[in-house]
């Protein structure tokens, strides 16, 4: 069961997206529960009272509390990094501040069935991978770390460091082989770094800043690709 939310002040738009989600779920044989809100304040109240969502389609231009403010509430006040936020808007271009709420995707109205299918499929893949754990050997110990807890991997010669907020462990391995087996939210930005995009708090063309304050370099050969993968169609200025 996947809990999906829609928050848009246009009732017709909400009804249309809800119908497309239903069609998508039927095609993919998925069980979903869809909730709809027409104001950001209502959605925030639902979350504060313990409501849970796996996927959220969130309009940026809500009447009072903006979609960006709602996203900030989810990520920072509720400290929810797992919810997959998909912004929707009638405009294609948005400022750098949109990135700080770590959206999974950005859809421009009018929204099509194919866009909904693609976004839901990607969100489900990410959510399913999050439930898994990364297994590695450190000396005689076998460690199992949730992928969601990993900020980034850092290589040094034949050793790879698994970096979390309050811990780090090493194992022997190849970044090339590691990258092949990681969830889709992990991006190689440099021959020495593979990052978890959901722990990025600031992006610049040459660097990313992670949750723990660490600033990592993006290599020249990766910069355009990383920009595309991180921003997912959100247009920002350098």
C-alpha atoms as a PDB file:
ATOM      1  CA  UNK A   1       0.000   0.000   0.000  1.00  0.00           C
ATOM      2  CA  UNK A   2       1.312   3.413  -0.988  1.00  0.00           C
ATOM      3  CA  UNK A   3      -0.191   6.551   0.553  1.00  0.00           C
ATOM      4  CA  UNK A   4      -0.320   9.300  -2.062  1.00  0.00           C
ATOM      5  CA  UNK A   5      -1.255  12.937  -1.451  1.00  0.00           C
ATOM      6  CA  UNK A   6      -2.345  15.699  -3.835  1.00  0.00           C
ATOM      7  CA  UNK A   7      -2.264  19.332  -2.743  1.00  0.00           C
ATOM      8  CA  UNK A   8      -3.487  21.923  -5.247  1.00  0.00           C
ATOM      9  CA  UNK A   9      -5.982  24.771  -4.878  1.00  0.00           C
ATOM     10  CA  UNK A  10      -7.610  23.783  -8.176  1.00  0.00           C
ATOM     11  CA  UNK A  11     -10.303  21.172  -7.539  1.00  0.00           C
ATOM     12  CA  UNK A  12     -10.437  20.144 -11.190  1.00  0.00           C
ATOM     13  CA  UNK A  13      -6.674  19.619 -11.274  1.00  0.00           C
ATOM     14  CA  UNK A  14      -6.826  17.499  -8.108  1.00  0.00           C
ATOM     15  CA  UNK A  15      -9.628  15.399  -9.581  1.00  0.00           C
ATOM     16  CA  UNK A  16      -7.680  14.918 -12.811  1.00  0.00           C
ATOM     17  CA  UNK A  17      -4.471  13.862 -11.039  1.00  0.00           C
ATOM     18  CA  UNK A  18      -6.406  11.551  -8.712  1.00  0.00           C
ATOM     19  CA  UNK A  19      -8.001   9.848 -11.721  1.00  0.00           C
ATOM     20  CA  UNK A  20      -4.625   9.449 -13.448  1.00  0.00           C
ATOM     21  CA  UNK A  21      -3.109   7.945 -10.272  1.00  0.00           C
ATOM     22  CA  UNK A  22      -6.005   5.472 -10.179  1.00  0.00           C
ATOM     23  CA  UNK A  23      -5.359   4.499 -13.812  1.00  0.00           C
ATOM     24  CA  UNK A  24      -1.628   4.147 -13.094  1.00  0.00           C
ATOM     25  CA  UNK A  25      -2.243   1.970 -10.024  1.00  0.00           C
ATOM     26  CA  UNK A  26      -4.574  -0.299 -11.988  1.00  0.00           C
ATOM     27  CA  UNK A  27      -2.053  -0.705 -14.820  1.00  0.00           C
ATOM     28  CA  UNK A  28       0.778  -1.510 -12.425  1.00  0.00           C
ATOM     29  CA  UNK A  29      -1.362  -3.626 -10.079  1.00  0.00           C
ATOM     30  CA  UNK A  30      -0.532  -1.338  -7.150  1.00  0.00           C
ATOM     31  CA  UNK A  31      -2.578  -0.727  -4.038  1.00  0.00           C
ATOM     32  CA  UNK A  32      -2.827   2.991  -3.278  1.00  0.00           C
ATOM     33  CA  UNK A  33      -4.752   5.320  -1.001  1.00  0.00           C
ATOM     34  CA  UNK A  34      -5.118   8.886  -2.252  1.00  0.00           C
ATOM     35  CA  UNK A  35      -5.846  11.939  -0.095  1.00  0.00           C
ATOM     36  CA  UNK A  36      -6.520  15.419  -1.469  1.00  0.00           C
ATOM     37  CA  UNK A  37      -6.014  18.877   0.047  1.00  0.00           C
ATOM     38  CA  UNK A  38      -6.803  22.259  -1.483  1.00  0.00           C
ATOM     39  CA  UNK A  39      -4.577  24.286   0.874  1.00  0.00           C
ATOM     40  CA  UNK A  40      -1.085  23.830   2.249  1.00  0.00           C
ATOM     41  CA  UNK A  41      -2.246  24.564   5.789  1.00  0.00           C
ATOM     42  CA  UNK A  42      -4.619  21.581   5.706  1.00  0.00           C
ATOM     43  CA  UNK A  43      -1.860  19.273   4.519  1.00  0.00           C
ATOM     44  CA  UNK A  44       0.570  20.488   7.205  1.00  0.00           C
ATOM     45  CA  UNK A  45      -2.086  19.946   9.889  1.00  0.00           C
ATOM     46  CA  UNK A  46      -2.621  16.390   8.633  1.00  0.00           C
ATOM     47  CA  UNK A  47       1.126  15.682   8.880  1.00  0.00           C
ATOM     48  CA  UNK A  48       1.460  17.305  12.315  1.00  0.00           C
ATOM     49  CA  UNK A  49      -1.304  15.038  13.591  1.00  0.00           C
ATOM     50  CA  UNK A  50       0.655  11.971  12.548  1.00  0.00           C
ATOM     51  CA  UNK A  51      -0.552  11.464   8.981  1.00  0.00           C
ATOM     52  CA  UNK A  52       1.877   9.665   6.698  1.00  0.00           C
ATOM     53  CA  UNK A  53       2.449  10.022   2.960  1.00  0.00           C
ATOM     54  CA  UNK A  54       4.807   8.134   0.689  1.00  0.00           C
ATOM     55  CA  UNK A  55       4.316  10.299  -2.419  1.00  0.00           C
ATOM     56  CA  UNK A  56       3.070  13.905  -2.640  1.00  0.00           C
ATOM     57  CA  UNK A  57       2.011  15.848  -5.733  1.00  0.00           C
ATOM     58  CA  UNK A  58       2.402  19.434  -4.534  1.00  0.00           C
ATOM     59  CA  UNK A  59       1.430  22.635  -6.350  1.00  0.00           C
ATOM     60  CA  UNK A  60       3.957  25.433  -5.932  1.00  0.00           C
ATOM     61  CA  UNK A  61       1.508  28.340  -6.320  1.00  0.00           C
ATOM     62  CA  UNK A  62      -0.945  27.629  -3.515  1.00  0.00           C
ATOM     63  CA  UNK A  63      -3.099  30.572  -2.430  1.00  0.00           C
ATOM     64  CA  UNK A  64      -1.585  31.268   0.997  1.00  0.00           C
ATOM     65  CA  UNK A  65       1.082  28.847   2.229  1.00  0.00           C
ATOM     66  CA  UNK A  66       3.174  28.165  -0.886  1.00  0.00           C
ATOM     67  CA  UNK A  67       4.242  24.730  -2.024  1.00  0.00           C
ATOM     68  CA  UNK A  68       7.848  25.646  -1.311  1.00  0.00           C
ATOM     69  CA  UNK A  69       6.898  26.544   2.282  1.00  0.00           C
ATOM     70  CA  UNK A  70       5.043  23.241   2.617  1.00  0.00           C
ATOM     71  CA  UNK A  71       8.081  21.380   1.291  1.00  0.00           C
ATOM     72  CA  UNK A  72      10.285  23.193   3.805  1.00  0.00           C
ATOM     73  CA  UNK A  73       7.844  22.225   6.574  1.00  0.00           C
ATOM     74  CA  UNK A  74       8.016  18.554   5.528  1.00  0.00           C
ATOM     75  CA  UNK A  75      11.806  18.405   5.250  1.00  0.00           C
ATOM     76  CA  UNK A  76      12.810  20.604   8.179  1.00  0.00           C
ATOM     77  CA  UNK A  77      10.034  20.768  10.796  1.00  0.00           C
ATOM     78  CA  UNK A  78       8.742  17.229  10.275  1.00  0.00           C
ATOM     79  CA  UNK A  79      12.272  16.024   9.398  1.00  0.00           C
ATOM     80  CA  UNK A  80      10.786  13.757   6.742  1.00  0.00           C
ATOM     81  CA  UNK A  81      13.371  12.892   4.079  1.00  0.00           C
ATOM     82  CA  UNK A  82      11.614   9.783   2.832  1.00  0.00           C
ATOM     83  CA  UNK A  83       8.471  11.308   1.318  1.00  0.00           C
ATOM     84  CA  UNK A  84       8.826  11.664  -2.452  1.00  0.00           C
ATOM     85  CA  UNK A  85       7.736  15.216  -3.324  1.00  0.00           C
ATOM     86  CA  UNK A  86       6.698  15.896  -6.914  1.00  0.00           C
ATOM     87  CA  UNK A  87       6.139  19.612  -7.522  1.00  0.00           C
ATOM     88  CA  UNK A  88       3.542  20.700 -10.071  1.00  0.00           C
ATOM     89  CA  UNK A  89       3.246  24.149 -11.585  1.00  0.00           C
ATOM     90  CA  UNK A  90       1.994  26.137 -14.538  1.00  0.00           C
ATOM     91  CA  UNK A  91       5.458  27.671 -14.975  1.00  0.00           C
ATOM     92  CA  UNK A  92       8.622  25.918 -16.097  1.00  0.00           C
ATOM     93  CA  UNK A  93      11.262  28.037 -14.304  1.00  0.00           C
ATOM     94  CA  UNK A  94      11.931  28.328 -10.600  1.00  0.00           C
ATOM     95  CA  UNK A  95      14.621  29.716  -8.319  1.00  0.00           C
ATOM     96  CA  UNK A  96      17.422  27.883  -6.559  1.00  0.00           C
ATOM     97  CA  UNK A  97      15.422  27.785  -3.293  1.00  0.00           C
ATOM     98  CA  UNK A  98      13.167  25.069  -4.753  1.00  0.00           C
ATOM     99  CA  UNK A  99      16.080  22.648  -4.649  1.00  0.00           C
ATOM    100  CA  UNK A 100      16.398  22.947  -0.864  1.00  0.00           C
ATOM    101  CA  UNK A 101      13.169  21.004  -0.362  1.00  0.00           C
ATOM    102  CA  UNK A 102      14.702  18.068  -2.260  1.00  0.00           C
ATOM    103  CA  UNK A 103      11.919  17.302  -4.729  1.00  0.00           C
ATOM    104  CA  UNK A 104      11.937  14.024  -6.626  1.00  0.00           C
ATOM    105  CA  UNK A 105      10.475  15.577  -9.756  1.00  0.00           C
ATOM    106  CA  UNK A 106       8.912  18.705 -11.245  1.00  0.00           C
ATOM    107  CA  UNK A 107       5.909  18.533 -13.597  1.00  0.00           C
ATOM    108  CA  UNK A 108       4.570  21.407 -15.669  1.00  0.00           C
ATOM    109  CA  UNK A 109       0.827  21.707 -16.212  1.00  0.00           C
ATOM    110  CA  UNK A 110      -1.091  20.452 -18.104  1.00  0.00           C
ATOM    111  CA  UNK A 111      -0.063  17.114 -16.658  1.00  0.00           C
ATOM    112  CA  UNK A 112      -0.375  13.962 -18.748  1.00  0.00           C
ATOM    113  CA  UNK A 113      -1.032  10.347 -17.865  1.00  0.00           C
ATOM    114  CA  UNK A 114       2.490   9.441 -19.016  1.00  0.00           C
ATOM    115  CA  UNK A 115       4.011  11.985 -16.613  1.00  0.00           C
ATOM    116  CA  UNK A 116       2.008  10.560 -13.706  1.00  0.00           C
ATOM    117  CA  UNK A 117       2.968   7.002 -14.672  1.00  0.00           C
ATOM    118  CA  UNK A 118       6.663   7.889 -14.882  1.00  0.00           C
ATOM    119  CA  UNK A 119       6.700   9.832 -11.603  1.00  0.00           C
ATOM    120  CA  UNK A 120       4.815   7.199  -9.616  1.00  0.00           C
ATOM    121  CA  UNK A 121       7.009   4.415 -11.023  1.00  0.00           C
ATOM    122  CA  UNK A 122      10.196   6.269 -10.084  1.00  0.00           C
ATOM    123  CA  UNK A 123       8.884   7.169  -6.616  1.00  0.00           C
ATOM    124  CA  UNK A 124       7.943   3.542  -5.916  1.00  0.00           C
ATOM    125  CA  UNK A 125      11.378   2.326  -7.025  1.00  0.00           C
ATOM    126  CA  UNK A 126      13.062   4.811  -4.671  1.00  0.00           C
ATOM    127  CA  UNK A 127      10.753   3.943  -1.768  1.00  0.00           C
ATOM    128  CA  UNK A 128      11.292   0.214  -2.235  1.00  0.00           C
ATOM    129  CA  UNK A 129      15.056   0.665  -2.358  1.00  0.00           C
ATOM    130  CA  UNK A 130      14.975   2.772   0.811  1.00  0.00           C
ATOM    131  CA  UNK A 131      13.623  -0.207   2.721  1.00  0.00           C
ATOM    132  CA  UNK A 132      16.760  -2.151   1.806  1.00  0.00           C
ATOM    133  CA  UNK A 133      20.131  -2.060   3.573  1.00  0.00           C
ATOM    134  CA  UNK A 134      23.678  -1.802   2.294  1.00  0.00           C
ATOM    135  CA  UNK A 135      25.734  -4.798   3.381  1.00  0.00           C
ATOM    136  CA  UNK A 136      29.525  -4.702   3.646  1.00  0.00           C
ATOM    137  CA  UNK A 137      32.388  -6.205   5.619  1.00  0.00           C
ATOM    138  CA  UNK A 138      34.604  -4.145   7.909  1.00  0.00           C
ATOM    139  CA  UNK A 139      37.364  -6.390   9.228  1.00  0.00           C
ATOM    140  CA  UNK A 140      35.627  -9.373  10.766  1.00  0.00           C
ATOM    141  CA  UNK A 141      32.322  -7.521  11.099  1.00  0.00           C
ATOM    142  CA  UNK A 142      29.434  -7.663   8.651  1.00  0.00           C
ATOM    143  CA  UNK A 143      27.511  -4.391   8.748  1.00  0.00           C
ATOM    144  CA  UNK A 144      23.992  -3.623   7.490  1.00  0.00           C
ATOM    145  CA  UNK A 145      23.290   0.090   7.024  1.00  0.00           C
ATOM    146  CA  UNK A 146      19.963   1.475   5.713  1.00  0.00           C
ATOM    147  CA  UNK A 147      20.561   3.193   2.383  1.00  0.00           C
ATOM    148  CA  UNK A 148      18.594   6.175   3.672  1.00  0.00           C
ATOM    149  CA  UNK A 149      21.193   6.751   6.421  1.00  0.00           C
ATOM    150  CA  UNK A 150      24.130   6.968   4.012  1.00  0.00           C
ATOM    151  CA  UNK A 151      25.207  10.493   3.011  1.00  0.00           C
ATOM    152  CA  UNK A 152      27.925   9.484   0.563  1.00  0.00           C
ATOM    153  CA  UNK A 153      30.650   7.021  -0.312  1.00  0.00           C
ATOM    154  CA  UNK A 154      34.254   8.215  -0.544  1.00  0.00           C
ATOM    155  CA  UNK A 155      37.041   6.198  -2.130  1.00  0.00           C
ATOM    156  CA  UNK A 156      40.710   6.285  -1.159  1.00  0.00           C
ATOM    157  CA  UNK A 157      42.874   3.862  -3.127  1.00  0.00           C
ATOM    158  CA  UNK A 158      41.280   0.438  -2.615  1.00  0.00           C
ATOM    159  CA  UNK A 159      39.206   1.471   0.412  1.00  0.00           C
ATOM    160  CA  UNK A 160      35.707   2.956   0.317  1.00  0.00           C
ATOM    161  CA  UNK A 161      34.330   4.944   3.246  1.00  0.00           C
ATOM    162  CA  UNK A 162      30.609   4.755   4.044  1.00  0.00           C
ATOM    163  CA  UNK A 163      29.758   8.155   5.560  1.00  0.00           C
ATOM    164  CA  UNK A 164      26.714   8.736   7.751  1.00  0.00           C
ATOM    165  CA  UNK A 165      25.855  11.737   9.933  1.00  0.00           C
ATOM    166  CA  UNK A 166      27.469  10.386  13.084  1.00  0.00           C
ATOM    167  CA  UNK A 167      29.537   7.464  11.866  1.00  0.00           C
ATOM    168  CA  UNK A 168      31.818   6.232   9.104  1.00  0.00           C
ATOM    169  CA  UNK A 169      33.090   2.776   8.221  1.00  0.00           C
ATOM    170  CA  UNK A 170      35.421   1.438   5.559  1.00  0.00           C
ATOM    171  CA  UNK A 171      35.524  -1.593   3.329  1.00  0.00           C
ATOM    172  CA  UNK A 172      37.619  -2.770   0.393  1.00  0.00           C
ATOM    173  CA  UNK A 173      35.929  -2.363  -2.959  1.00  0.00           C
ATOM    174  CA  UNK A 174      35.608  -0.691  -6.347  1.00  0.00           C
ATOM    175  CA  UNK A 175      33.568   2.464  -6.905  1.00  0.00           C
ATOM    176  CA  UNK A 176      32.721   1.212 -10.389  1.00  0.00           C
ATOM    177  CA  UNK A 177      31.191  -1.992  -9.052  1.00  0.00           C
ATOM    178  CA  UNK A 178      29.554  -0.185  -6.136  1.00  0.00           C
ATOM    179  CA  UNK A 179      27.803   2.331  -8.391  1.00  0.00           C
ATOM    180  CA  UNK A 180      26.185  -0.463 -10.438  1.00  0.00           C
ATOM    181  CA  UNK A 181      24.320  -1.851  -7.424  1.00  0.00           C
ATOM    182  CA  UNK A 182      23.141   1.283  -5.621  1.00  0.00           C
ATOM    183  CA  UNK A 183      19.576   2.699  -5.566  1.00  0.00           C
ATOM    184  CA  UNK A 184      18.667   5.338  -8.125  1.00  0.00           C
ATOM    185  CA  UNK A 185      19.009   8.222  -5.658  1.00  0.00           C
ATOM    186  CA  UNK A 186      22.799   7.666  -5.457  1.00  0.00           C
ATOM    187  CA  UNK A 187      24.816   9.688  -7.974  1.00  0.00           C
ATOM    188  CA  UNK A 188      28.501   9.496  -8.808  1.00  0.00           C
ATOM    189  CA  UNK A 189      29.768  13.088  -8.912  1.00  0.00           C
ATOM    190  CA  UNK A 190      33.508  12.368  -8.974  1.00  0.00           C
ATOM    191  CA  UNK A 191      35.756   9.332  -9.248  1.00  0.00           C
ATOM    192  CA  UNK A 192      36.092   9.587  -5.457  1.00  0.00           C
ATOM    193  CA  UNK A 193      32.483  10.352  -4.464  1.00  0.00           C
ATOM    194  CA  UNK A 194      29.046   8.801  -4.810  1.00  0.00           C
ATOM    195  CA  UNK A 195      26.392  10.874  -3.027  1.00  0.00           C
ATOM    196  CA  UNK A 196      22.860  10.268  -1.776  1.00  0.00           C
ATOM    197  CA  UNK A 197      20.909  13.100  -3.455  1.00  0.00           C
ATOM    198  CA  UNK A 198      18.444  13.178  -0.566  1.00  0.00           C
ATOM    199  CA  UNK A 199      21.168  14.357   1.811  1.00  0.00           C
ATOM    200  CA  UNK A 200      22.255  17.266  -0.395  1.00  0.00           C
ATOM    201  CA  UNK A 201      21.416  20.629   1.200  1.00  0.00           C
ATOM    202  CA  UNK A 202      23.075  22.945  -1.330  1.00  0.00           C
ATOM    203  CA  UNK A 203      24.056  22.567  -4.950  1.00  0.00           C
ATOM    204  CA  UNK A 204      26.429  24.635  -7.086  1.00  0.00           C
ATOM    205  CA  UNK A 205      27.731  23.686 -10.505  1.00  0.00           C
ATOM    206  CA  UNK A 206      31.122  22.630  -9.114  1.00  0.00           C
ATOM    207  CA  UNK A 207      30.190  21.448  -5.596  1.00  0.00           C
ATOM    208  CA  UNK A 208      27.503  19.954  -3.378  1.00  0.00           C
ATOM    209  CA  UNK A 209      27.082  20.441   0.353  1.00  0.00           C
ATOM    210  CA  UNK A 210      25.861  17.475   2.370  1.00  0.00           C
ATOM    211  CA  UNK A 211      23.783  17.269   5.580  1.00  0.00           C
ATOM    212  CA  UNK A 212      26.910  17.036   7.713  1.00  0.00           C
ATOM    213  CA  UNK A 213      28.363  20.259   6.279  1.00  0.00           C
ATOM    214  CA  UNK A 214      30.900  18.482   4.080  1.00  0.00           C
ATOM    215  CA  UNK A 215      31.459  20.157   0.700  1.00  0.00           C
ATOM    216  CA  UNK A 216      32.314  17.749  -2.116  1.00  0.00           C
ATOM    217  CA  UNK A 217      33.724  18.582  -5.526  1.00  0.00           C
ATOM    218  CA  UNK A 218      31.949  17.609  -8.737  1.00  0.00           C
ATOM    219  CA  UNK A 219      34.411  16.644 -11.459  1.00  0.00           C
ATOM    220  CA  UNK A 220      34.254  18.439 -14.813  1.00  0.00           C
ATOM    221  CA  UNK A 221      33.219  15.280 -16.637  1.00  0.00           C
ATOM    222  CA  UNK A 222      30.235  14.801 -14.281  1.00  0.00           C
ATOM    223  CA  UNK A 223      28.963  18.383 -13.905  1.00  0.00           C
ATOM    224  CA  UNK A 224      26.333  18.561 -16.636  1.00  0.00           C
ATOM    225  CA  UNK A 225      25.025  15.065 -15.881  1.00  0.00           C
ATOM    226  CA  UNK A 226      24.892  15.760 -12.125  1.00  0.00           C
ATOM    227  CA  UNK A 227      23.035  19.025 -12.733  1.00  0.00           C
ATOM    228  CA  UNK A 228      20.407  17.209 -14.794  1.00  0.00           C
ATOM    229  CA  UNK A 229      19.997  14.399 -12.278  1.00  0.00           C
ATOM    230  CA  UNK A 230      19.855  16.651  -9.218  1.00  0.00           C
ATOM    231  CA  UNK A 231      17.485  19.272 -10.534  1.00  0.00           C
ATOM    232  CA  UNK A 232      15.158  17.053 -12.566  1.00  0.00           C
ATOM    233  CA  UNK A 233      13.933  19.838 -14.844  1.00  0.00           C
ATOM    234  CA  UNK A 234      13.975  22.625 -12.244  1.00  0.00           C
ATOM    235  CA  UNK A 235      15.619  25.571 -14.025  1.00  0.00           C
ATOM    236  CA  UNK A 236      17.976  27.624 -11.872  1.00  0.00           C
ATOM    237  CA  UNK A 237      20.589  30.261 -12.524  1.00  0.00           C
ATOM    238  CA  UNK A 238      24.234  29.695 -11.715  1.00  0.00           C
END
